[in-house]
């Protein structure tokens, strides 16, 4: 276990170094000058040169990268050109919103996708199976922005049941920041009003963001269950007179869930990285909107900081999935996972 974790952490460090090199190089290749953007195109030659020197942009690119890495080791991601604040401070402000949205989205995907996949496999070729197929097909083919607009039109404009934007109602005070997650912070402080407001605001964007993952989980769960149900030990369990519920949910589900666990881990990392459109449509104040606005402003320190954080979270999510493999199937060894 220790050797496995050490190897994976080493791979993670190497991956982050590689990503830092790529993003740093791209930030200098992309046309545009952040200095001119900061000055609004009205700076004098002296002001432009002075600002370049202050930002270290007048030095050779390899020196700039070494300075960036040295600061990165000190957890200094630089200063945002757009907000004039440290990038780390901005991430502490915006990342909890994206983390909360992605976490609720993957929970919805699991709660919907796994039962749909199991029922679809048990009721193969029935109307329930056909419904699940159509549901999954729509999930992987419908654009996120179109689904978001449909959800707002139905639940906000027509039914007046759920809000369409923001994290909490304007007339309700946001809970004091403990974790940065409104749902958890409001519960910790016993503020039920803020909790229900936050819950109502997160339902639409979370379902919209997690719909694709729901479809993928349902399809993988269905195919895995169908494969497991043909195994000899399942037939033997039926011949011994065991109940169908016991066979399906205790014996078949545990083995069929392992491939689905991979989809869940990959989906969670993808949700964190792919929340840009959802956050834009629902005016969700997360890193998706933050990085889009930073890109438009040529705010390279902010873009690189967000990229590194998403890569780190994605890697940790996959590491967690690999560790969970052995808990679901004791036959899996960490050496097998590593290979």
C-alpha atoms as a PDB file:
ATOM      1  CA  UNK A   1       0.000   0.000   0.000  1.00  0.00           C
ATOM      2  CA  UNK A   2       2.771   2.441   0.917  1.00  0.00           C
ATOM      3  CA  UNK A   3       4.727   1.637  -2.259  1.00  0.00           C
ATOM      4  CA  UNK A   4       1.578   2.030  -4.355  1.00  0.00           C
ATOM      5  CA  UNK A   5       0.721   5.420  -2.837  1.00  0.00           C
ATOM      6  CA  UNK A   6       4.316   6.616  -3.171  1.00  0.00           C
ATOM      7  CA  UNK A   7       4.368   5.723  -6.864  1.00  0.00           C
ATOM      8  CA  UNK A   8       1.041   7.370  -7.547  1.00  0.00           C
ATOM      9  CA  UNK A   9       2.017  10.538  -5.706  1.00  0.00           C
ATOM     10  CA  UNK A  10       5.254  10.659  -7.686  1.00  0.00           C
ATOM     11  CA  UNK A  11       3.297  10.289 -10.924  1.00  0.00           C
ATOM     12  CA  UNK A  12       1.000  13.084  -9.780  1.00  0.00           C
ATOM     13  CA  UNK A  13       3.935  15.410  -9.139  1.00  0.00           C
ATOM     14  CA  UNK A  14       5.426  14.621 -12.545  1.00  0.00           C
ATOM     15  CA  UNK A  15       2.056  15.194 -14.185  1.00  0.00           C
ATOM     16  CA  UNK A  16       1.660  18.580 -12.495  1.00  0.00           C
ATOM     17  CA  UNK A  17       5.149  19.599 -13.629  1.00  0.00           C
ATOM     18  CA  UNK A  18       4.294  18.595 -17.195  1.00  0.00           C
ATOM     19  CA  UNK A  19       1.019  20.510 -17.096  1.00  0.00           C
ATOM     20  CA  UNK A  20       2.773  23.572 -15.678  1.00  0.00           C
ATOM     21  CA  UNK A  21       5.263  23.492 -18.570  1.00  0.00           C
ATOM     22  CA  UNK A  22       2.505  23.164 -21.172  1.00  0.00           C
ATOM     23  CA  UNK A  23       0.278  25.885 -19.724  1.00  0.00           C
ATOM     24  CA  UNK A  24       3.224  28.220 -19.178  1.00  0.00           C
ATOM     25  CA  UNK A  25       4.386  27.741 -22.772  1.00  0.00           C
ATOM     26  CA  UNK A  26       0.877  28.240 -24.166  1.00  0.00           C
ATOM     27  CA  UNK A  27       0.446  31.435 -22.166  1.00  0.00           C
ATOM     28  CA  UNK A  28       3.451  32.888 -23.977  1.00  0.00           C
ATOM     29  CA  UNK A  29       2.494  31.538 -27.413  1.00  0.00           C
ATOM     30  CA  UNK A  30      -1.089  32.811 -27.466  1.00  0.00           C
ATOM     31  CA  UNK A  31      -1.303  36.188 -29.259  1.00  0.00           C
ATOM     32  CA  UNK A  32      -1.981  39.111 -26.983  1.00  0.00           C
ATOM     33  CA  UNK A  33      -0.172  41.163 -24.393  1.00  0.00           C
ATOM     34  CA  UNK A  34      -1.534  41.153 -20.830  1.00  0.00           C
ATOM     35  CA  UNK A  35       0.383  44.375 -20.121  1.00  0.00           C
ATOM     36  CA  UNK A  36      -1.559  46.222 -22.818  1.00  0.00           C
ATOM     37  CA  UNK A  37      -4.786  44.740 -21.464  1.00  0.00           C
ATOM     38  CA  UNK A  38      -3.984  45.934 -17.946  1.00  0.00           C
ATOM     39  CA  UNK A  39      -3.207  49.436 -19.185  1.00  0.00           C
ATOM     40  CA  UNK A  40      -6.239  49.482 -21.454  1.00  0.00           C
ATOM     41  CA  UNK A  41      -4.110  50.179 -24.512  1.00  0.00           C
ATOM     42  CA  UNK A  42      -3.440  53.739 -23.325  1.00  0.00           C
ATOM     43  CA  UNK A  43      -0.088  53.337 -21.545  1.00  0.00           C
ATOM     44  CA  UNK A  44       3.046  55.126 -22.567  1.00  0.00           C
ATOM     45  CA  UNK A  45       6.186  53.237 -23.563  1.00  0.00           C
ATOM     46  CA  UNK A  46       7.685  53.972 -20.147  1.00  0.00           C
ATOM     47  CA  UNK A  47       4.623  52.649 -18.328  1.00  0.00           C
ATOM     48  CA  UNK A  48       4.531  49.530 -20.479  1.00  0.00           C
ATOM     49  CA  UNK A  49       8.215  48.802 -19.872  1.00  0.00           C
ATOM     50  CA  UNK A  50       7.878  49.473 -16.141  1.00  0.00           C
ATOM     51  CA  UNK A  51       4.920  47.098 -15.822  1.00  0.00           C
ATOM     52  CA  UNK A  52       6.735  44.404 -17.811  1.00  0.00           C
ATOM     53  CA  UNK A  53       9.651  44.695 -15.417  1.00  0.00           C
ATOM     54  CA  UNK A  54       7.374  44.522 -12.360  1.00  0.00           C
ATOM     55  CA  UNK A  55       5.701  41.385 -13.712  1.00  0.00           C
ATOM     56  CA  UNK A  56       8.996  39.842 -14.821  1.00  0.00           C
ATOM     57  CA  UNK A  57       7.847  39.631 -18.434  1.00  0.00           C
ATOM     58  CA  UNK A  58      11.015  41.229 -19.743  1.00  0.00           C
ATOM     59  CA  UNK A  59      13.134  38.233 -18.733  1.00  0.00           C
ATOM     60  CA  UNK A  60      13.861  35.150 -20.893  1.00  0.00           C
ATOM     61  CA  UNK A  61      11.071  32.598 -20.837  1.00  0.00           C
ATOM     62  CA  UNK A  62      13.123  29.914 -19.060  1.00  0.00           C
ATOM     63  CA  UNK A  63      13.919  32.346 -16.260  1.00  0.00           C
ATOM     64  CA  UNK A  64      10.263  33.276 -15.992  1.00  0.00           C
ATOM     65  CA  UNK A  65       9.363  29.588 -15.677  1.00  0.00           C
ATOM     66  CA  UNK A  66      11.961  28.988 -12.968  1.00  0.00           C
ATOM     67  CA  UNK A  67      10.630  31.965 -11.040  1.00  0.00           C
ATOM     68  CA  UNK A  68       7.090  30.637 -11.475  1.00  0.00           C
ATOM     69  CA  UNK A  69       8.062  27.162 -10.205  1.00  0.00           C
ATOM     70  CA  UNK A  70       9.963  28.635  -7.266  1.00  0.00           C
ATOM     71  CA  UNK A  71       6.878  30.610  -6.290  1.00  0.00           C
ATOM     72  CA  UNK A  72       4.692  27.554  -6.873  1.00  0.00           C
ATOM     73  CA  UNK A  73       6.685  25.558  -4.328  1.00  0.00           C
ATOM     74  CA  UNK A  74       5.800  28.296  -1.840  1.00  0.00           C
ATOM     75  CA  UNK A  75       2.100  27.922  -2.793  1.00  0.00           C
ATOM     76  CA  UNK A  76       2.294  31.273  -4.546  1.00  0.00           C
ATOM     77  CA  UNK A  77       0.328  31.034  -7.791  1.00  0.00           C
ATOM     78  CA  UNK A  78       0.987  34.639  -8.659  1.00  0.00           C
ATOM     79  CA  UNK A  79      -1.294  37.649  -8.789  1.00  0.00           C
ATOM     80  CA  UNK A  80      -4.367  37.805 -10.971  1.00  0.00           C
ATOM     81  CA  UNK A  81      -4.051  40.476 -13.631  1.00  0.00           C
ATOM     82  CA  UNK A  82      -7.821  40.980 -13.691  1.00  0.00           C
ATOM     83  CA  UNK A  83      -8.760  40.985  -9.993  1.00  0.00           C
ATOM     84  CA  UNK A  84      -5.430  42.344  -8.668  1.00  0.00           C
ATOM     85  CA  UNK A  85      -5.572  39.692  -5.952  1.00  0.00           C
ATOM     86  CA  UNK A  86      -3.420  36.587  -5.353  1.00  0.00           C
ATOM     87  CA  UNK A  87      -4.657  33.713  -7.491  1.00  0.00           C
ATOM     88  CA  UNK A  88      -4.716  31.471  -4.427  1.00  0.00           C
ATOM     89  CA  UNK A  89      -7.125  33.883  -2.750  1.00  0.00           C
ATOM     90  CA  UNK A  90      -9.376  33.830  -5.806  1.00  0.00           C
ATOM     91  CA  UNK A  91      -9.324  30.036  -5.870  1.00  0.00           C
ATOM     92  CA  UNK A  92     -10.304  29.890  -2.193  1.00  0.00           C
ATOM     93  CA  UNK A  93     -13.219  32.169  -3.068  1.00  0.00           C
ATOM     94  CA  UNK A  94     -14.505  30.477  -6.239  1.00  0.00           C
ATOM     95  CA  UNK A  95     -13.412  26.827  -6.009  1.00  0.00           C
ATOM     96  CA  UNK A  96     -15.774  25.815  -3.142  1.00  0.00           C
ATOM     97  CA  UNK A  97     -18.769  26.762  -5.303  1.00  0.00           C
ATOM     98  CA  UNK A  98     -17.567  24.506  -8.133  1.00  0.00           C
ATOM     99  CA  UNK A  99     -16.666  21.723  -5.699  1.00  0.00           C
ATOM    100  CA  UNK A 100     -20.125  21.858  -4.143  1.00  0.00           C
ATOM    101  CA  UNK A 101     -21.848  21.896  -7.530  1.00  0.00           C
ATOM    102  CA  UNK A 102     -19.770  18.985  -8.876  1.00  0.00           C
ATOM    103  CA  UNK A 103     -20.216  16.934  -5.709  1.00  0.00           C
ATOM    104  CA  UNK A 104     -23.996  17.300  -5.728  1.00  0.00           C
ATOM    105  CA  UNK A 105     -23.989  16.541  -9.470  1.00  0.00           C
ATOM    106  CA  UNK A 106     -22.071  13.280  -9.041  1.00  0.00           C
ATOM    107  CA  UNK A 107     -24.306  12.278  -6.106  1.00  0.00           C
ATOM    108  CA  UNK A 108     -27.377  12.808  -8.307  1.00  0.00           C
ATOM    109  CA  UNK A 109     -25.688  10.822 -11.088  1.00  0.00           C
ATOM    110  CA  UNK A 110     -24.961   7.904  -8.751  1.00  0.00           C
ATOM    111  CA  UNK A 111     -28.430   7.887  -7.184  1.00  0.00           C
ATOM    112  CA  UNK A 112     -30.093   7.905 -10.603  1.00  0.00           C
ATOM    113  CA  UNK A 113     -27.603   6.048 -12.787  1.00  0.00           C
ATOM    114  CA  UNK A 114     -26.980   2.938 -10.677  1.00  0.00           C
ATOM    115  CA  UNK A 115     -30.661   2.030 -10.029  1.00  0.00           C
ATOM    116  CA  UNK A 116     -31.517   2.721 -13.676  1.00  0.00           C
ATOM    117  CA  UNK A 117     -28.685   0.481 -14.838  1.00  0.00           C
ATOM    118  CA  UNK A 118     -29.635  -2.364 -12.480  1.00  0.00           C
ATOM    119  CA  UNK A 119     -33.346  -2.227 -13.333  1.00  0.00           C
ATOM    120  CA  UNK A 120     -32.546  -1.970 -17.048  1.00  0.00           C
ATOM    121  CA  UNK A 121     -30.397  -5.112 -16.836  1.00  0.00           C
ATOM    122  CA  UNK A 122     -32.994  -7.070 -14.823  1.00  0.00           C
ATOM    123  CA  UNK A 123     -35.820  -5.974 -17.144  1.00  0.00           C
ATOM    124  CA  UNK A 124     -33.814  -6.419 -20.336  1.00  0.00           C
ATOM    125  CA  UNK A 125     -35.712  -5.578 -23.551  1.00  0.00           C
ATOM    126  CA  UNK A 126     -38.795  -4.359 -21.648  1.00  0.00           C
ATOM    127  CA  UNK A 127     -40.204  -0.837 -21.774  1.00  0.00           C
ATOM    128  CA  UNK A 128     -38.113   0.082 -18.727  1.00  0.00           C
ATOM    129  CA  UNK A 129     -34.960  -0.952 -20.564  1.00  0.00           C
ATOM    130  CA  UNK A 130     -36.029   1.030 -23.624  1.00  0.00           C
ATOM    131  CA  UNK A 131     -36.727   4.085 -21.475  1.00  0.00           C
ATOM    132  CA  UNK A 132     -33.274   3.849 -19.896  1.00  0.00           C
ATOM    133  CA  UNK A 133     -31.658   3.604 -23.325  1.00  0.00           C
ATOM    134  CA  UNK A 134     -33.475   6.704 -24.540  1.00  0.00           C
ATOM    135  CA  UNK A 135     -32.658   8.532 -21.309  1.00  0.00           C
ATOM    136  CA  UNK A 136     -28.978   7.636 -21.665  1.00  0.00           C
ATOM    137  CA  UNK A 137     -28.887   8.535 -25.347  1.00  0.00           C
ATOM    138  CA  UNK A 138     -30.318  11.971 -24.616  1.00  0.00           C
ATOM    139  CA  UNK A 139     -27.780  12.422 -21.824  1.00  0.00           C
ATOM    140  CA  UNK A 140     -24.738  11.866 -24.016  1.00  0.00           C
ATOM    141  CA  UNK A 141     -26.092  13.739 -27.041  1.00  0.00           C
ATOM    142  CA  UNK A 142     -27.925  16.803 -25.696  1.00  0.00           C
ATOM    143  CA  UNK A 143     -25.744  19.953 -25.373  1.00  0.00           C
ATOM    144  CA  UNK A 144     -25.413  21.208 -21.812  1.00  0.00           C
ATOM    145  CA  UNK A 145     -26.450  24.762 -22.648  1.00  0.00           C
ATOM    146  CA  UNK A 146     -29.642  23.542 -24.350  1.00  0.00           C
ATOM    147  CA  UNK A 147     -30.545  21.305 -21.417  1.00  0.00           C
ATOM    148  CA  UNK A 148     -29.926  24.195 -19.024  1.00  0.00           C
ATOM    149  CA  UNK A 149     -32.246  26.474 -20.970  1.00  0.00           C
ATOM    150  CA  UNK A 150     -34.943  23.786 -21.072  1.00  0.00           C
ATOM    151  CA  UNK A 151     -34.704  23.231 -17.318  1.00  0.00           C
ATOM    152  CA  UNK A 152     -34.965  26.949 -16.606  1.00  0.00           C
ATOM    153  CA  UNK A 153     -37.911  27.323 -18.961  1.00  0.00           C
ATOM    154  CA  UNK A 154     -39.772  24.448 -17.284  1.00  0.00           C
ATOM    155  CA  UNK A 155     -38.984  24.783 -13.578  1.00  0.00           C
ATOM    156  CA  UNK A 156     -38.459  28.561 -13.355  1.00  0.00           C
ATOM    157  CA  UNK A 157     -40.560  30.249 -16.028  1.00  0.00           C
ATOM    158  CA  UNK A 158     -43.432  27.764 -16.275  1.00  0.00           C
ATOM    159  CA  UNK A 159     -43.736  25.964 -12.927  1.00  0.00           C
ATOM    160  CA  UNK A 160     -42.155  28.723 -10.778  1.00  0.00           C
ATOM    161  CA  UNK A 161     -40.768  25.945  -8.617  1.00  0.00           C
ATOM    162  CA  UNK A 162     -36.975  26.391  -8.629  1.00  0.00           C
ATOM    163  CA  UNK A 163     -34.726  29.469  -8.981  1.00  0.00           C
ATOM    164  CA  UNK A 164     -32.691  29.938 -12.132  1.00  0.00           C
ATOM    165  CA  UNK A 165     -29.434  31.516 -10.960  1.00  0.00           C
ATOM    166  CA  UNK A 166     -27.107  32.164  -8.042  1.00  0.00           C
ATOM    167  CA  UNK A 167     -26.257  30.066  -4.976  1.00  0.00           C
ATOM    168  CA  UNK A 168     -28.769  31.530  -2.514  1.00  0.00           C
ATOM    169  CA  UNK A 169     -31.706  33.944  -2.448  1.00  0.00           C
ATOM    170  CA  UNK A 170     -30.732  37.607  -2.452  1.00  0.00           C
ATOM    171  CA  UNK A 171     -32.715  38.410   0.701  1.00  0.00           C
ATOM    172  CA  UNK A 172     -31.093  35.557   2.689  1.00  0.00           C
ATOM    173  CA  UNK A 173     -27.719  36.012   4.326  1.00  0.00           C
ATOM    174  CA  UNK A 174     -25.037  33.625   3.120  1.00  0.00           C
ATOM    175  CA  UNK A 175     -23.769  31.295   5.870  1.00  0.00           C
ATOM    176  CA  UNK A 176     -20.459  32.167   7.483  1.00  0.00           C
ATOM    177  CA  UNK A 177     -17.673  30.491   5.544  1.00  0.00           C
ATOM    178  CA  UNK A 178     -16.349  27.393   7.284  1.00  0.00           C
ATOM    179  CA  UNK A 179     -15.850  25.006   4.371  1.00  0.00           C
ATOM    180  CA  UNK A 180     -17.055  27.373   1.630  1.00  0.00           C
ATOM    181  CA  UNK A 181     -19.849  24.902   0.814  1.00  0.00           C
ATOM    182  CA  UNK A 182     -23.172  26.597   1.516  1.00  0.00           C
ATOM    183  CA  UNK A 183     -25.069  23.352   2.158  1.00  0.00           C
ATOM    184  CA  UNK A 184     -22.602  22.145   4.768  1.00  0.00           C
ATOM    185  CA  UNK A 185     -21.914  25.549   6.339  1.00  0.00           C
ATOM    186  CA  UNK A 186     -25.618  26.295   6.766  1.00  0.00           C
ATOM    187  CA  UNK A 187     -26.180  22.919   8.460  1.00  0.00           C
ATOM    188  CA  UNK A 188     -23.188  23.382  10.743  1.00  0.00           C
ATOM    189  CA  UNK A 189     -24.600  26.742  11.834  1.00  0.00           C
ATOM    190  CA  UNK A 190     -28.158  25.449  12.149  1.00  0.00           C
ATOM    191  CA  UNK A 191     -29.453  27.878   9.527  1.00  0.00           C
ATOM    192  CA  UNK A 192     -32.239  25.797   7.949  1.00  0.00           C
ATOM    193  CA  UNK A 193     -33.519  28.743   5.877  1.00  0.00           C
ATOM    194  CA  UNK A 194     -30.143  29.202   4.178  1.00  0.00           C
ATOM    195  CA  UNK A 195     -29.835  25.424   3.699  1.00  0.00           C
ATOM    196  CA  UNK A 196     -33.167  25.064   1.882  1.00  0.00           C
ATOM    197  CA  UNK A 197     -32.450  28.140  -0.234  1.00  0.00           C
ATOM    198  CA  UNK A 198     -29.027  26.780  -1.195  1.00  0.00           C
ATOM    199  CA  UNK A 199     -30.514  23.350  -1.926  1.00  0.00           C
ATOM    200  CA  UNK A 200     -33.201  24.794  -4.205  1.00  0.00           C
ATOM    201  CA  UNK A 201     -30.611  26.847  -6.083  1.00  0.00           C
ATOM    202  CA  UNK A 202     -28.255  23.925  -6.681  1.00  0.00           C
ATOM    203  CA  UNK A 203     -30.766  21.346  -7.957  1.00  0.00           C
ATOM    204  CA  UNK A 204     -31.089  22.617 -11.550  1.00  0.00           C
ATOM    205  CA  UNK A 205     -27.402  23.299 -12.276  1.00  0.00           C
ATOM    206  CA  UNK A 206     -26.344  20.054 -10.551  1.00  0.00           C
ATOM    207  CA  UNK A 207     -28.780  17.940 -12.586  1.00  0.00           C
ATOM    208  CA  UNK A 208     -27.775  19.759 -15.764  1.00  0.00           C
ATOM    209  CA  UNK A 209     -24.087  19.217 -15.064  1.00  0.00           C
ATOM    210  CA  UNK A 210     -24.479  15.591 -14.004  1.00  0.00           C
ATOM    211  CA  UNK A 211     -26.908  14.419 -16.711  1.00  0.00           C
ATOM    212  CA  UNK A 212     -24.134  13.142 -18.972  1.00  0.00           C
ATOM    213  CA  UNK A 213     -22.519  11.277 -16.071  1.00  0.00           C
ATOM    214  CA  UNK A 214     -25.899   9.789 -15.129  1.00  0.00           C
ATOM    215  CA  UNK A 215     -26.289   8.396 -18.636  1.00  0.00           C
ATOM    216  CA  UNK A 216     -22.758   6.969 -18.666  1.00  0.00           C
ATOM    217  CA  UNK A 217     -23.131   5.364 -15.235  1.00  0.00           C
ATOM    218  CA  UNK A 218     -26.498   3.832 -16.189  1.00  0.00           C
ATOM    219  CA  UNK A 219     -25.140   2.340 -19.412  1.00  0.00           C
ATOM    220  CA  UNK A 220     -22.016   0.952 -17.747  1.00  0.00           C
ATOM    221  CA  UNK A 221     -24.023  -0.464 -14.836  1.00  0.00           C
ATOM    222  CA  UNK A 222     -26.426  -2.149 -17.250  1.00  0.00           C
ATOM    223  CA  UNK A 223     -23.719  -3.774 -19.370  1.00  0.00           C
ATOM    224  CA  UNK A 224     -21.761  -4.903 -16.297  1.00  0.00           C
ATOM    225  CA  UNK A 225     -24.853  -6.408 -14.677  1.00  0.00           C
ATOM    226  CA  UNK A 226     -25.773  -8.269 -17.861  1.00  0.00           C
ATOM    227  CA  UNK A 227     -22.272  -9.728 -18.021  1.00  0.00           C
ATOM    228  CA  UNK A 228     -22.188 -10.737 -14.362  1.00  0.00           C
ATOM    229  CA  UNK A 229     -25.656 -12.306 -14.489  1.00  0.00           C
ATOM    230  CA  UNK A 230     -24.365 -14.870 -17.008  1.00  0.00           C
ATOM    231  CA  UNK A 231     -21.586 -16.088 -14.682  1.00  0.00           C
ATOM    232  CA  UNK A 232     -21.662 -19.609 -13.258  1.00  0.00           C
ATOM    233  CA  UNK A 233     -21.773 -18.544  -9.611  1.00  0.00           C
ATOM    234  CA  UNK A 234     -24.957 -16.561 -10.297  1.00  0.00           C
ATOM    235  CA  UNK A 235     -26.612 -19.598 -11.909  1.00  0.00           C
ATOM    236  CA  UNK A 236     -25.484 -21.717  -8.967  1.00  0.00           C
ATOM    237  CA  UNK A 237     -27.003 -19.211  -6.541  1.00  0.00           C
ATOM    238  CA  UNK A 238     -30.346 -19.488  -8.332  1.00  0.00           C
ATOM    239  CA  UNK A 239     -30.124 -23.302  -8.262  1.00  0.00           C
ATOM    240  CA  UNK A 240     -29.561 -23.218  -4.486  1.00  0.00           C
ATOM    241  CA  UNK A 241     -32.868 -21.403  -4.104  1.00  0.00           C
ATOM    242  CA  UNK A 242     -31.510 -18.046  -2.968  1.00  0.00           C
ATOM    243  CA  UNK A 243     -33.845 -15.089  -3.390  1.00  0.00           C
ATOM    244  CA  UNK A 244     -33.448 -12.942  -6.484  1.00  0.00           C
ATOM    245  CA  UNK A 245     -32.943  -9.762  -4.433  1.00  0.00           C
ATOM    246  CA  UNK A 246     -30.116 -11.375  -2.465  1.00  0.00           C
ATOM    247  CA  UNK A 247     -28.409 -12.611  -5.636  1.00  0.00           C
ATOM    248  CA  UNK A 248     -28.707  -9.308  -7.464  1.00  0.00           C
ATOM    249  CA  UNK A 249     -27.871  -6.829  -4.730  1.00  0.00           C
ATOM    250  CA  UNK A 250     -25.328  -8.849  -2.722  1.00  0.00           C
ATOM    251  CA  UNK A 251     -23.520 -11.018  -5.247  1.00  0.00           C
ATOM    252  CA  UNK A 252     -24.045  -9.564  -8.717  1.00  0.00           C
ATOM    253  CA  UNK A 253     -24.018  -5.857  -7.851  1.00  0.00           C
ATOM    254  CA  UNK A 254     -20.701  -5.894  -5.994  1.00  0.00           C
ATOM    255  CA  UNK A 255     -18.790  -7.342  -8.944  1.00  0.00           C
ATOM    256  CA  UNK A 256     -20.694  -5.337 -11.549  1.00  0.00           C
ATOM    257  CA  UNK A 257     -20.019  -2.105  -9.697  1.00  0.00           C
ATOM    258  CA  UNK A 258     -16.221  -2.218 -10.188  1.00  0.00           C
ATOM    259  CA  UNK A 259     -16.231  -1.019 -13.856  1.00  0.00           C
ATOM    260  CA  UNK A 260     -18.885   1.552 -12.935  1.00  0.00           C
ATOM    261  CA  UNK A 261     -16.635   2.842 -10.166  1.00  0.00           C
ATOM    262  CA  UNK A 262     -14.094   3.798 -12.823  1.00  0.00           C
ATOM    263  CA  UNK A 263     -16.722   5.833 -14.679  1.00  0.00           C
ATOM    264  CA  UNK A 264     -17.724   7.565 -11.445  1.00  0.00           C
ATOM    265  CA  UNK A 265     -14.141   8.593 -10.673  1.00  0.00           C
ATOM    266  CA  UNK A 266     -13.473   9.865 -14.188  1.00  0.00           C
ATOM    267  CA  UNK A 267     -16.833  11.640 -14.278  1.00  0.00           C
ATOM    268  CA  UNK A 268     -16.184  13.475 -11.015  1.00  0.00           C
ATOM    269  CA  UNK A 269     -12.917  14.874 -12.329  1.00  0.00           C
ATOM    270  CA  UNK A 270     -14.602  15.800 -15.600  1.00  0.00           C
ATOM    271  CA  UNK A 271     -17.411  17.601 -13.765  1.00  0.00           C
ATOM    272  CA  UNK A 272     -14.902  19.837 -11.983  1.00  0.00           C
ATOM    273  CA  UNK A 273     -13.210  20.664 -15.265  1.00  0.00           C
ATOM    274  CA  UNK A 274     -16.334  20.914 -17.382  1.00  0.00           C
ATOM    275  CA  UNK A 275     -18.551  23.171 -15.295  1.00  0.00           C
ATOM    276  CA  UNK A 276     -17.851  26.228 -17.448  1.00  0.00           C
ATOM    277  CA  UNK A 277     -21.066  26.203 -19.500  1.00  0.00           C
ATOM    278  CA  UNK A 278     -23.270  25.208 -16.571  1.00  0.00           C
ATOM    279  CA  UNK A 279     -21.875  27.935 -14.330  1.00  0.00           C
ATOM    280  CA  UNK A 280     -22.280  30.491 -17.099  1.00  0.00           C
ATOM    281  CA  UNK A 281     -25.910  29.555 -17.818  1.00  0.00           C
ATOM    282  CA  UNK A 282     -26.986  29.470 -14.167  1.00  0.00           C
ATOM    283  CA  UNK A 283     -24.753  32.386 -13.037  1.00  0.00           C
ATOM    284  CA  UNK A 284     -22.984  30.083 -10.615  1.00  0.00           C
ATOM    285  CA  UNK A 285     -19.971  31.855  -9.044  1.00  0.00           C
ATOM    286  CA  UNK A 286     -17.417  29.071  -9.479  1.00  0.00           C
ATOM    287  CA  UNK A 287     -14.026  28.661 -11.113  1.00  0.00           C
ATOM    288  CA  UNK A 288     -15.697  27.946 -14.456  1.00  0.00           C
ATOM    289  CA  UNK A 289     -16.906  31.516 -14.828  1.00  0.00           C
ATOM    290  CA  UNK A 290     -13.725  32.757 -13.177  1.00  0.00           C
ATOM    291  CA  UNK A 291     -11.430  31.068 -15.695  1.00  0.00           C
ATOM    292  CA  UNK A 292     -13.547  32.159 -18.689  1.00  0.00           C
ATOM    293  CA  UNK A 293     -13.379  35.791 -17.617  1.00  0.00           C
ATOM    294  CA  UNK A 294      -9.662  35.387 -16.943  1.00  0.00           C
ATOM    295  CA  UNK A 295      -9.071  33.988 -20.427  1.00  0.00           C
ATOM    296  CA  UNK A 296     -10.895  36.906 -22.014  1.00  0.00           C
ATOM    297  CA  UNK A 297      -8.682  39.257 -19.975  1.00  0.00           C
ATOM    298  CA  UNK A 298      -5.473  37.315 -20.838  1.00  0.00           C
ATOM    299  CA  UNK A 299      -5.066  36.666 -17.126  1.00  0.00           C
ATOM    300  CA  UNK A 300      -2.495  33.896 -17.514  1.00  0.00           C
ATOM    301  CA  UNK A 301      -1.626  33.434 -13.800  1.00  0.00           C
ATOM    302  CA  UNK A 302      -5.290  32.769 -13.030  1.00  0.00           C
ATOM    303  CA  UNK A 303      -5.701  30.348 -15.956  1.00  0.00           C
ATOM    304  CA  UNK A 304      -2.577  28.401 -14.996  1.00  0.00           C
ATOM    305  CA  UNK A 305      -3.649  28.271 -11.356  1.00  0.00           C
ATOM    306  CA  UNK A 306      -7.086  26.876 -12.209  1.00  0.00           C
ATOM    307  CA  UNK A 307      -5.521  24.339 -14.590  1.00  0.00           C
ATOM    308  CA  UNK A 308      -3.180  23.014 -11.919  1.00  0.00           C
ATOM    309  CA  UNK A 309      -5.958  22.758  -9.313  1.00  0.00           C
ATOM    310  CA  UNK A 310      -8.261  20.854 -11.677  1.00  0.00           C
ATOM    311  CA  UNK A 311      -5.431  18.500 -12.664  1.00  0.00           C
ATOM    312  CA  UNK A 312      -4.638  17.839  -9.003  1.00  0.00           C
ATOM    313  CA  UNK A 313      -8.268  17.133  -8.090  1.00  0.00           C
ATOM    314  CA  UNK A 314      -8.692  14.889 -11.144  1.00  0.00           C
ATOM    315  CA  UNK A 315      -5.601  12.905 -10.169  1.00  0.00           C
ATOM    316  CA  UNK A 316      -6.722  12.546  -6.538  1.00  0.00           C
ATOM    317  CA  UNK A 317     -10.168  11.373  -7.668  1.00  0.00           C
ATOM    318  CA  UNK A 318      -8.605   8.619  -9.766  1.00  0.00           C
ATOM    319  CA  UNK A 319      -6.281   7.653  -6.919  1.00  0.00           C
ATOM    320  CA  UNK A 320      -9.297   7.303  -4.627  1.00  0.00           C
ATOM    321  CA  UNK A 321     -11.014   5.052  -7.180  1.00  0.00           C
ATOM    322  CA  UNK A 322      -7.937   2.822  -7.430  1.00  0.00           C
ATOM    323  CA  UNK A 323      -7.841   2.428  -3.650  1.00  0.00           C
ATOM    324  CA  UNK A 324     -11.561   1.588  -3.544  1.00  0.00           C
ATOM    325  CA  UNK A 325     -11.072  -1.203  -6.087  1.00  0.00           C
ATOM    326  CA  UNK A 326      -9.471  -3.455  -3.486  1.00  0.00           C
ATOM    327  CA  UNK A 327     -12.267  -2.831  -0.983  1.00  0.00           C
ATOM    328  CA  UNK A 328     -14.883  -4.040  -3.474  1.00  0.00           C
ATOM    329  CA  UNK A 329     -12.836  -6.983  -4.733  1.00  0.00           C
ATOM    330  CA  UNK A 330     -10.174  -8.430  -2.384  1.00  0.00           C
ATOM    331  CA  UNK A 331      -8.701 -10.362  -5.322  1.00  0.00           C
ATOM    332  CA  UNK A 332      -7.410  -7.074  -6.757  1.00  0.00           C
ATOM    333  CA  UNK A 333      -3.931  -6.270  -5.539  1.00  0.00           C
ATOM    334  CA  UNK A 334      -2.307  -2.836  -5.612  1.00  0.00           C
ATOM    335  CA  UNK A 335       0.391  -4.224  -7.888  1.00  0.00           C
ATOM    336  CA  UNK A 336      -2.334  -5.148 -10.394  1.00  0.00           C
ATOM    337  CA  UNK A 337      -3.823  -1.667 -10.225  1.00  0.00           C
ATOM    338  CA  UNK A 338      -0.440  -0.085 -10.689  1.00  0.00           C
ATOM    339  CA  UNK A 339       0.232  -2.231 -13.739  1.00  0.00           C
END
